[in-house]
């Protein structure tokens, strides 16, 4: 049995896989057997997904703080922060949300829904989903920043980590909807890697405690974030009888929005 790769190597792999950040390969990452490269490697590397998500959230938080330092108010700083996160990921998850909205809303049967989801063109459902998703994230983050920049940054990190981890739910419990594509290539992640990811994201979910959030608020967000991910998975099961990479992306977006909204409520 091969020894597992160091955790830091898996963080670097997840950052390269999920973002456009120029993360170099670390010493010891090369696998001469080719068994842990690409999608095959991802099945094990997902244990580090919360940490990679936290890095994306932290960089978004840095932009939020920097914009505030230049004298921009929350409603100008928040859009810049969300924009930075979108640029970092290349709109990967937003694309999944838009494709799911178009396919689920515009197709009459499973085959047509999957065909629409594969189409690179954007339809009205996808446009509306993107507008609402981006606006809700900006508005929630700006509301948090009006209360406390520290709270906004910690919530941003926690929600980025938790949402990317819970995006594994459809991959874990649903069969691939196609016999090709990213959802099929990734397949079902290793259960132990997923359990480790859940444990780490659960810890990161309490990071807003340091920003002034209450314990039960953090606990409630963890629970409702999980419910939101299950809801997206259930919807995908009903709509296309399985999962795709787009479904995982849509799950990330929905969970992140739920987390930001819940922390922003009565903040």
C-alpha atoms as a PDB file:
ATOM      1  CA  UNK A   1       0.000   0.000   0.000  1.00  0.00           C
ATOM      2  CA  UNK A   2       1.367   3.414  -0.952  1.00  0.00           C
ATOM      3  CA  UNK A   3       1.747   5.992   1.840  1.00  0.00           C
ATOM      4  CA  UNK A   4      -0.728   8.844   1.602  1.00  0.00           C
ATOM      5  CA  UNK A   5       0.450  12.151   0.178  1.00  0.00           C
ATOM      6  CA  UNK A   6       1.164  14.960   2.642  1.00  0.00           C
ATOM      7  CA  UNK A   7      -1.824  17.131   3.401  1.00  0.00           C
ATOM      8  CA  UNK A   8      -0.122  20.262   2.064  1.00  0.00           C
ATOM      9  CA  UNK A   9       0.351  18.586  -1.325  1.00  0.00           C
ATOM     10  CA  UNK A  10      -3.368  17.863  -1.448  1.00  0.00           C
ATOM     11  CA  UNK A  11      -4.145  21.508  -0.629  1.00  0.00           C
ATOM     12  CA  UNK A  12      -1.922  22.581  -3.528  1.00  0.00           C
ATOM     13  CA  UNK A  13      -3.617  20.063  -5.830  1.00  0.00           C
ATOM     14  CA  UNK A  14      -7.116  21.273  -4.868  1.00  0.00           C
ATOM     15  CA  UNK A  15      -6.083  24.886  -5.442  1.00  0.00           C
ATOM     16  CA  UNK A  16      -4.801  24.010  -8.910  1.00  0.00           C
ATOM     17  CA  UNK A  17      -7.910  21.959  -9.675  1.00  0.00           C
ATOM     18  CA  UNK A  18     -10.542  24.408  -8.414  1.00  0.00           C
ATOM     19  CA  UNK A  19      -8.867  27.779  -9.000  1.00  0.00           C
ATOM     20  CA  UNK A  20      -6.673  29.642 -11.456  1.00  0.00           C
ATOM     21  CA  UNK A  21      -4.103  30.517  -8.822  1.00  0.00           C
ATOM     22  CA  UNK A  22      -0.547  29.784 -10.040  1.00  0.00           C
ATOM     23  CA  UNK A  23       0.202  27.103  -7.440  1.00  0.00           C
ATOM     24  CA  UNK A  24       3.351  25.136  -8.329  1.00  0.00           C
ATOM     25  CA  UNK A  25       3.716  21.413  -7.809  1.00  0.00           C
ATOM     26  CA  UNK A  26       5.258  20.703  -4.413  1.00  0.00           C
ATOM     27  CA  UNK A  27       8.067  18.196  -3.765  1.00  0.00           C
ATOM     28  CA  UNK A  28       6.728  14.664  -3.524  1.00  0.00           C
ATOM     29  CA  UNK A  29       3.576  15.250  -5.589  1.00  0.00           C
ATOM     30  CA  UNK A  30       4.747  13.323  -8.638  1.00  0.00           C
ATOM     31  CA  UNK A  31       3.277   9.827  -8.862  1.00  0.00           C
ATOM     32  CA  UNK A  32       5.237   7.589 -11.254  1.00  0.00           C
ATOM     33  CA  UNK A  33       2.293   5.171 -11.511  1.00  0.00           C
ATOM     34  CA  UNK A  34      -0.111   7.919 -12.542  1.00  0.00           C
ATOM     35  CA  UNK A  35      -2.743   6.622 -10.157  1.00  0.00           C
ATOM     36  CA  UNK A  36      -3.213   9.872  -8.293  1.00  0.00           C
ATOM     37  CA  UNK A  37      -3.271  12.408 -11.097  1.00  0.00           C
ATOM     38  CA  UNK A  38      -6.225  14.381 -12.423  1.00  0.00           C
ATOM     39  CA  UNK A  39      -9.649  13.142 -11.396  1.00  0.00           C
ATOM     40  CA  UNK A  40      -8.227  10.001  -9.780  1.00  0.00           C
ATOM     41  CA  UNK A  41      -6.091  12.086  -7.452  1.00  0.00           C
ATOM     42  CA  UNK A  42      -9.085  14.266  -6.593  1.00  0.00           C
ATOM     43  CA  UNK A  43     -10.886  11.347  -4.946  1.00  0.00           C
ATOM     44  CA  UNK A  44      -8.234  11.336  -2.213  1.00  0.00           C
ATOM     45  CA  UNK A  45      -7.270  15.008  -2.267  1.00  0.00           C
ATOM     46  CA  UNK A  46     -10.776  16.179  -1.319  1.00  0.00           C
ATOM     47  CA  UNK A  47      -9.719  15.798   2.316  1.00  0.00           C
ATOM     48  CA  UNK A  48      -7.898  19.126   1.775  1.00  0.00           C
ATOM     49  CA  UNK A  49     -10.799  20.821  -0.006  1.00  0.00           C
ATOM     50  CA  UNK A  50     -11.887  22.853   3.068  1.00  0.00           C
ATOM     51  CA  UNK A  51      -8.374  24.259   3.410  1.00  0.00           C
ATOM     52  CA  UNK A  52      -8.286  25.188  -0.276  1.00  0.00           C
ATOM     53  CA  UNK A  53     -11.691  26.844   0.074  1.00  0.00           C
ATOM     54  CA  UNK A  54     -10.464  28.718   3.124  1.00  0.00           C
ATOM     55  CA  UNK A  55      -7.566  30.080   1.057  1.00  0.00           C
ATOM     56  CA  UNK A  56     -10.017  31.398  -1.558  1.00  0.00           C
ATOM     57  CA  UNK A  57     -12.173  32.938   1.185  1.00  0.00           C
ATOM     58  CA  UNK A  58      -9.124  34.447   2.887  1.00  0.00           C
ATOM     59  CA  UNK A  59      -7.983  36.097  -0.334  1.00  0.00           C
ATOM     60  CA  UNK A  60     -11.496  37.449  -0.826  1.00  0.00           C
ATOM     61  CA  UNK A  61     -11.378  38.710   2.753  1.00  0.00           C
ATOM     62  CA  UNK A  62      -8.043  40.400   2.083  1.00  0.00           C
ATOM     63  CA  UNK A  63      -9.597  42.293  -0.846  1.00  0.00           C
ATOM     64  CA  UNK A  64     -12.491  43.303   1.418  1.00  0.00           C
ATOM     65  CA  UNK A  65     -10.093  44.656   4.051  1.00  0.00           C
ATOM     66  CA  UNK A  66      -7.881  46.354   1.464  1.00  0.00           C
ATOM     67  CA  UNK A  67     -10.874  48.077  -0.140  1.00  0.00           C
ATOM     68  CA  UNK A  68     -11.979  49.274   3.284  1.00  0.00           C
ATOM     69  CA  UNK A  69      -8.462  50.506   3.943  1.00  0.00           C
ATOM     70  CA  UNK A  70      -8.665  52.643   0.808  1.00  0.00           C
ATOM     71  CA  UNK A  71     -11.808  54.275   2.155  1.00  0.00           C
ATOM     72  CA  UNK A  72     -14.414  52.302   0.220  1.00  0.00           C
ATOM     73  CA  UNK A  73     -17.623  51.566   2.089  1.00  0.00           C
ATOM     74  CA  UNK A  74     -19.075  48.050   2.512  1.00  0.00           C
ATOM     75  CA  UNK A  75     -21.302  48.321  -0.555  1.00  0.00           C
ATOM     76  CA  UNK A  76     -18.276  49.055  -2.748  1.00  0.00           C
ATOM     77  CA  UNK A  77     -15.828  46.750  -0.985  1.00  0.00           C
ATOM     78  CA  UNK A  78     -18.161  43.712  -1.035  1.00  0.00           C
ATOM     79  CA  UNK A  79     -18.553  43.601  -4.848  1.00  0.00           C
ATOM     80  CA  UNK A  80     -14.777  43.823  -5.249  1.00  0.00           C
ATOM     81  CA  UNK A  81     -14.314  40.940  -2.808  1.00  0.00           C
ATOM     82  CA  UNK A  82     -16.848  38.715  -4.584  1.00  0.00           C
ATOM     83  CA  UNK A  83     -15.336  39.686  -7.949  1.00  0.00           C
ATOM     84  CA  UNK A  84     -11.891  38.663  -6.721  1.00  0.00           C
ATOM     85  CA  UNK A  85     -13.199  35.245  -5.661  1.00  0.00           C
ATOM     86  CA  UNK A  86     -14.918  34.748  -9.017  1.00  0.00           C
ATOM     87  CA  UNK A  87     -11.723  35.648 -10.861  1.00  0.00           C
ATOM     88  CA  UNK A  88      -9.711  33.287  -8.665  1.00  0.00           C
ATOM     89  CA  UNK A  89     -11.948  30.346  -9.541  1.00  0.00           C
ATOM     90  CA  UNK A  90     -12.606  31.365 -13.135  1.00  0.00           C
ATOM     91  CA  UNK A  91     -16.347  31.385 -12.434  1.00  0.00           C
ATOM     92  CA  UNK A  92     -16.224  27.582 -12.157  1.00  0.00           C
ATOM     93  CA  UNK A  93     -19.063  27.239  -9.651  1.00  0.00           C
ATOM     94  CA  UNK A  94     -21.111  30.091 -11.109  1.00  0.00           C
ATOM     95  CA  UNK A  95     -21.002  28.332 -14.473  1.00  0.00           C
ATOM     96  CA  UNK A  96     -22.365  25.180 -12.854  1.00  0.00           C
ATOM     97  CA  UNK A  97     -25.206  27.095 -11.246  1.00  0.00           C
ATOM     98  CA  UNK A  98     -26.153  28.768 -14.531  1.00  0.00           C
ATOM     99  CA  UNK A  99     -26.043  25.487 -16.456  1.00  0.00           C
ATOM    100  CA  UNK A 100     -28.224  23.737 -13.872  1.00  0.00           C
ATOM    101  CA  UNK A 101     -30.729  26.584 -13.877  1.00  0.00           C
ATOM    102  CA  UNK A 102     -30.976  26.479 -17.679  1.00  0.00           C
ATOM    103  CA  UNK A 103     -31.192  22.695 -17.843  1.00  0.00           C
ATOM    104  CA  UNK A 104     -33.593  22.150 -14.967  1.00  0.00           C
ATOM    105  CA  UNK A 105     -35.803  25.046 -16.021  1.00  0.00           C
ATOM    106  CA  UNK A 106     -35.763  24.630 -19.786  1.00  0.00           C
ATOM    107  CA  UNK A 107     -35.684  20.901 -20.495  1.00  0.00           C
ATOM    108  CA  UNK A 108     -38.736  18.680 -20.770  1.00  0.00           C
ATOM    109  CA  UNK A 109     -36.975  15.351 -20.225  1.00  0.00           C
ATOM    110  CA  UNK A 110     -33.684  14.122 -18.829  1.00  0.00           C
ATOM    111  CA  UNK A 111     -31.923  13.922 -22.184  1.00  0.00           C
ATOM    112  CA  UNK A 112     -32.923  17.464 -23.110  1.00  0.00           C
ATOM    113  CA  UNK A 113     -31.964  18.818 -19.693  1.00  0.00           C
ATOM    114  CA  UNK A 114     -28.491  17.290 -19.982  1.00  0.00           C
ATOM    115  CA  UNK A 115     -28.153  18.619 -23.522  1.00  0.00           C
ATOM    116  CA  UNK A 116     -28.989  22.139 -22.372  1.00  0.00           C
ATOM    117  CA  UNK A 117     -26.571  21.885 -19.446  1.00  0.00           C
ATOM    118  CA  UNK A 118     -23.764  21.001 -21.851  1.00  0.00           C
ATOM    119  CA  UNK A 119     -24.563  23.912 -24.166  1.00  0.00           C
ATOM    120  CA  UNK A 120     -22.068  26.745 -23.625  1.00  0.00           C
ATOM    121  CA  UNK A 121     -24.691  29.350 -24.423  1.00  0.00           C
ATOM    122  CA  UNK A 122     -26.468  31.029 -21.513  1.00  0.00           C
ATOM    123  CA  UNK A 123     -30.255  31.040 -21.303  1.00  0.00           C
ATOM    124  CA  UNK A 124     -32.683  33.216 -19.404  1.00  0.00           C
ATOM    125  CA  UNK A 125     -32.842  30.875 -16.390  1.00  0.00           C
ATOM    126  CA  UNK A 126     -29.073  30.861 -16.135  1.00  0.00           C
ATOM    127  CA  UNK A 127     -28.848  34.648 -16.393  1.00  0.00           C
ATOM    128  CA  UNK A 128     -31.452  35.119 -13.673  1.00  0.00           C
ATOM    129  CA  UNK A 129     -29.743  32.562 -11.420  1.00  0.00           C
ATOM    130  CA  UNK A 130     -26.380  34.291 -11.814  1.00  0.00           C
ATOM    131  CA  UNK A 131     -27.816  37.751 -11.148  1.00  0.00           C
ATOM    132  CA  UNK A 132     -29.602  36.587  -8.012  1.00  0.00           C
ATOM    133  CA  UNK A 133     -26.632  34.539  -6.755  1.00  0.00           C
ATOM    134  CA  UNK A 134     -24.089  37.333  -7.154  1.00  0.00           C
ATOM    135  CA  UNK A 135     -26.434  39.957  -5.741  1.00  0.00           C
ATOM    136  CA  UNK A 136     -27.292  37.855  -2.679  1.00  0.00           C
ATOM    137  CA  UNK A 137     -23.615  37.207  -1.971  1.00  0.00           C
ATOM    138  CA  UNK A 138     -22.728  40.883  -2.329  1.00  0.00           C
ATOM    139  CA  UNK A 139     -25.675  42.094  -0.256  1.00  0.00           C
ATOM    140  CA  UNK A 140     -25.031  39.573   2.521  1.00  0.00           C
ATOM    141  CA  UNK A 141     -21.319  40.349   2.654  1.00  0.00           C
ATOM    142  CA  UNK A 142     -21.939  44.110   2.650  1.00  0.00           C
ATOM    143  CA  UNK A 143     -24.460  43.719   5.476  1.00  0.00           C
ATOM    144  CA  UNK A 144     -21.896  41.772   7.492  1.00  0.00           C
ATOM    145  CA  UNK A 145     -19.171  44.321   6.751  1.00  0.00           C
ATOM    146  CA  UNK A 146     -21.422  47.129   7.972  1.00  0.00           C
ATOM    147  CA  UNK A 147     -21.546  45.348  11.323  1.00  0.00           C
ATOM    148  CA  UNK A 148     -17.908  44.243  11.516  1.00  0.00           C
ATOM    149  CA  UNK A 149     -15.152  43.735   8.957  1.00  0.00           C
ATOM    150  CA  UNK A 150     -13.690  41.026  11.176  1.00  0.00           C
ATOM    151  CA  UNK A 151     -16.989  39.158  11.191  1.00  0.00           C
ATOM    152  CA  UNK A 152     -17.356  39.551   7.421  1.00  0.00           C
ATOM    153  CA  UNK A 153     -13.879  38.131   6.767  1.00  0.00           C
ATOM    154  CA  UNK A 154     -14.294  35.135   9.081  1.00  0.00           C
ATOM    155  CA  UNK A 155     -17.723  34.362   7.608  1.00  0.00           C
ATOM    156  CA  UNK A 156     -16.287  34.601   4.104  1.00  0.00           C
ATOM    157  CA  UNK A 157     -13.552  32.092   4.955  1.00  0.00           C
ATOM    158  CA  UNK A 158     -15.947  29.720   6.729  1.00  0.00           C
ATOM    159  CA  UNK A 159     -18.578  29.813   3.975  1.00  0.00           C
ATOM    160  CA  UNK A 160     -15.976  29.302   1.232  1.00  0.00           C
ATOM    161  CA  UNK A 161     -14.604  26.235   3.023  1.00  0.00           C
ATOM    162  CA  UNK A 162     -17.963  24.749   4.021  1.00  0.00           C
ATOM    163  CA  UNK A 163     -19.677  25.270   0.660  1.00  0.00           C
ATOM    164  CA  UNK A 164     -16.891  23.594  -1.309  1.00  0.00           C
ATOM    165  CA  UNK A 165     -16.908  20.639   1.049  1.00  0.00           C
ATOM    166  CA  UNK A 166     -20.680  20.195   0.966  1.00  0.00           C
ATOM    167  CA  UNK A 167     -20.516  20.311  -2.845  1.00  0.00           C
ATOM    168  CA  UNK A 168     -19.237  16.725  -2.464  1.00  0.00           C
ATOM    169  CA  UNK A 169     -22.680  15.574  -1.293  1.00  0.00           C
ATOM    170  CA  UNK A 170     -24.105  15.005  -4.820  1.00  0.00           C
ATOM    171  CA  UNK A 171     -20.906  13.212  -5.878  1.00  0.00           C
ATOM    172  CA  UNK A 172     -21.088  11.027  -2.792  1.00  0.00           C
ATOM    173  CA  UNK A 173     -24.721   9.926  -2.953  1.00  0.00           C
ATOM    174  CA  UNK A 174     -25.790  10.205  -6.605  1.00  0.00           C
ATOM    175  CA  UNK A 175     -24.709   8.196  -9.644  1.00  0.00           C
ATOM    176  CA  UNK A 176     -23.246  10.080 -12.622  1.00  0.00           C
ATOM    177  CA  UNK A 177     -25.991  11.383 -14.898  1.00  0.00           C
ATOM    178  CA  UNK A 178     -23.741  10.877 -17.937  1.00  0.00           C
ATOM    179  CA  UNK A 179     -21.263   8.208 -18.969  1.00  0.00           C
ATOM    180  CA  UNK A 180     -18.634  10.928 -19.488  1.00  0.00           C
ATOM    181  CA  UNK A 181     -17.832  14.406 -18.238  1.00  0.00           C
ATOM    182  CA  UNK A 182     -16.326  15.635 -14.983  1.00  0.00           C
ATOM    183  CA  UNK A 183     -19.012  14.144 -12.757  1.00  0.00           C
ATOM    184  CA  UNK A 184     -18.408  10.716 -14.283  1.00  0.00           C
ATOM    185  CA  UNK A 185     -14.595  11.091 -14.268  1.00  0.00           C
ATOM    186  CA  UNK A 186     -14.458  12.078 -10.599  1.00  0.00           C
ATOM    187  CA  UNK A 187     -16.885   9.361  -9.553  1.00  0.00           C
ATOM    188  CA  UNK A 188     -17.506   8.778  -5.872  1.00  0.00           C
ATOM    189  CA  UNK A 189     -14.848  10.331  -3.605  1.00  0.00           C
ATOM    190  CA  UNK A 190     -13.195   8.113  -1.010  1.00  0.00           C
ATOM    191  CA  UNK A 191     -15.348   8.016   2.104  1.00  0.00           C
ATOM    192  CA  UNK A 192     -12.456   8.489   4.519  1.00  0.00           C
ATOM    193  CA  UNK A 193     -11.252  11.538   2.573  1.00  0.00           C
ATOM    194  CA  UNK A 194     -14.776  12.969   2.651  1.00  0.00           C
ATOM    195  CA  UNK A 195     -15.099  12.349   6.399  1.00  0.00           C
ATOM    196  CA  UNK A 196     -11.832  14.177   6.974  1.00  0.00           C
ATOM    197  CA  UNK A 197     -13.044  17.035   4.791  1.00  0.00           C
ATOM    198  CA  UNK A 198     -16.299  17.248   6.741  1.00  0.00           C
ATOM    199  CA  UNK A 199     -14.417  17.290  10.041  1.00  0.00           C
ATOM    200  CA  UNK A 200     -12.100  20.090   8.911  1.00  0.00           C
ATOM    201  CA  UNK A 201     -14.907  22.154   7.369  1.00  0.00           C
ATOM    202  CA  UNK A 202     -16.911  21.707  10.568  1.00  0.00           C
ATOM    203  CA  UNK A 203     -14.039  23.217  12.541  1.00  0.00           C
ATOM    204  CA  UNK A 204     -13.671  26.068  10.057  1.00  0.00           C
ATOM    205  CA  UNK A 205     -17.420  26.625  10.298  1.00  0.00           C
ATOM    206  CA  UNK A 206     -16.866  27.946  13.837  1.00  0.00           C
ATOM    207  CA  UNK A 207     -14.277  30.483  12.692  1.00  0.00           C
ATOM    208  CA  UNK A 208     -16.899  33.305  12.833  1.00  0.00           C
ATOM    209  CA  UNK A 209     -16.841  32.898  16.624  1.00  0.00           C
ATOM    210  CA  UNK A 210     -13.656  34.984  16.481  1.00  0.00           C
ATOM    211  CA  UNK A 211     -15.550  37.662  14.567  1.00  0.00           C
ATOM    212  CA  UNK A 212     -18.304  37.909  17.160  1.00  0.00           C
ATOM    213  CA  UNK A 213     -20.849  35.364  15.883  1.00  0.00           C
ATOM    214  CA  UNK A 214     -22.661  33.210  18.418  1.00  0.00           C
ATOM    215  CA  UNK A 215     -21.971  29.505  18.890  1.00  0.00           C
ATOM    216  CA  UNK A 216     -25.514  28.430  18.072  1.00  0.00           C
ATOM    217  CA  UNK A 217     -25.556  30.671  14.991  1.00  0.00           C
ATOM    218  CA  UNK A 218     -22.469  28.827  13.705  1.00  0.00           C
ATOM    219  CA  UNK A 219     -23.997  25.460  14.577  1.00  0.00           C
ATOM    220  CA  UNK A 220     -27.238  26.367  12.831  1.00  0.00           C
ATOM    221  CA  UNK A 221     -25.385  27.466   9.699  1.00  0.00           C
ATOM    222  CA  UNK A 222     -23.525  24.147   9.566  1.00  0.00           C
ATOM    223  CA  UNK A 223     -26.786  22.239   9.827  1.00  0.00           C
ATOM    224  CA  UNK A 224     -28.733  24.336   7.327  1.00  0.00           C
ATOM    225  CA  UNK A 225     -25.793  24.338   4.919  1.00  0.00           C
ATOM    226  CA  UNK A 226     -25.914  20.540   4.962  1.00  0.00           C
ATOM    227  CA  UNK A 227     -29.680  20.614   4.396  1.00  0.00           C
ATOM    228  CA  UNK A 228     -29.180  22.984   1.443  1.00  0.00           C
ATOM    229  CA  UNK A 229     -26.635  20.642  -0.142  1.00  0.00           C
ATOM    230  CA  UNK A 230     -29.009  17.695   0.296  1.00  0.00           C
ATOM    231  CA  UNK A 231     -31.806  19.752  -1.281  1.00  0.00           C
ATOM    232  CA  UNK A 232     -29.714  20.439  -4.388  1.00  0.00           C
ATOM    233  CA  UNK A 233     -28.765  16.757  -4.584  1.00  0.00           C
ATOM    234  CA  UNK A 234     -32.432  15.754  -4.248  1.00  0.00           C
ATOM    235  CA  UNK A 235     -33.400  18.227  -6.967  1.00  0.00           C
ATOM    236  CA  UNK A 236     -30.696  16.885  -9.284  1.00  0.00           C
ATOM    237  CA  UNK A 237     -31.900  13.335  -8.629  1.00  0.00           C
ATOM    238  CA  UNK A 238     -35.424  14.337  -9.590  1.00  0.00           C
ATOM    239  CA  UNK A 239     -34.373  16.387 -12.619  1.00  0.00           C
ATOM    240  CA  UNK A 240     -31.571  14.394 -14.255  1.00  0.00           C
ATOM    241  CA  UNK A 241     -31.415  11.200 -12.150  1.00  0.00           C
ATOM    242  CA  UNK A 242     -27.884  11.819 -11.016  1.00  0.00           C
ATOM    243  CA  UNK A 243     -25.010  14.252 -10.663  1.00  0.00           C
ATOM    244  CA  UNK A 244     -22.677  16.163 -12.952  1.00  0.00           C
ATOM    245  CA  UNK A 245     -19.863  18.627 -12.362  1.00  0.00           C
ATOM    246  CA  UNK A 246     -22.428  21.384 -12.860  1.00  0.00           C
ATOM    247  CA  UNK A 247     -24.526  20.004  -9.997  1.00  0.00           C
ATOM    248  CA  UNK A 248     -21.500  20.136  -7.697  1.00  0.00           C
ATOM    249  CA  UNK A 249     -20.872  23.746  -8.754  1.00  0.00           C
ATOM    250  CA  UNK A 250     -24.501  24.681  -8.167  1.00  0.00           C
ATOM    251  CA  UNK A 251     -24.370  23.056  -4.726  1.00  0.00           C
ATOM    252  CA  UNK A 252     -21.360  25.163  -3.784  1.00  0.00           C
ATOM    253  CA  UNK A 253     -23.136  28.347  -4.809  1.00  0.00           C
ATOM    254  CA  UNK A 254     -26.372  27.527  -3.006  1.00  0.00           C
ATOM    255  CA  UNK A 255     -24.591  26.547   0.225  1.00  0.00           C
ATOM    256  CA  UNK A 256     -22.380  29.641   0.168  1.00  0.00           C
ATOM    257  CA  UNK A 257     -25.411  31.885  -0.300  1.00  0.00           C
ATOM    258  CA  UNK A 258     -27.262  30.145   2.539  1.00  0.00           C
ATOM    259  CA  UNK A 259     -24.256  30.572   4.850  1.00  0.00           C
ATOM    260  CA  UNK A 260     -23.814  34.258   4.040  1.00  0.00           C
ATOM    261  CA  UNK A 261     -27.535  34.977   4.391  1.00  0.00           C
ATOM    262  CA  UNK A 262     -27.813  33.224   7.751  1.00  0.00           C
ATOM    263  CA  UNK A 263     -24.811  35.026   9.209  1.00  0.00           C
ATOM    264  CA  UNK A 264     -26.034  38.344   7.817  1.00  0.00           C
ATOM    265  CA  UNK A 265     -29.483  37.933   9.348  1.00  0.00           C
ATOM    266  CA  UNK A 266     -29.777  40.148  12.443  1.00  0.00           C
ATOM    267  CA  UNK A 267     -26.006  40.782  12.312  1.00  0.00           C
END
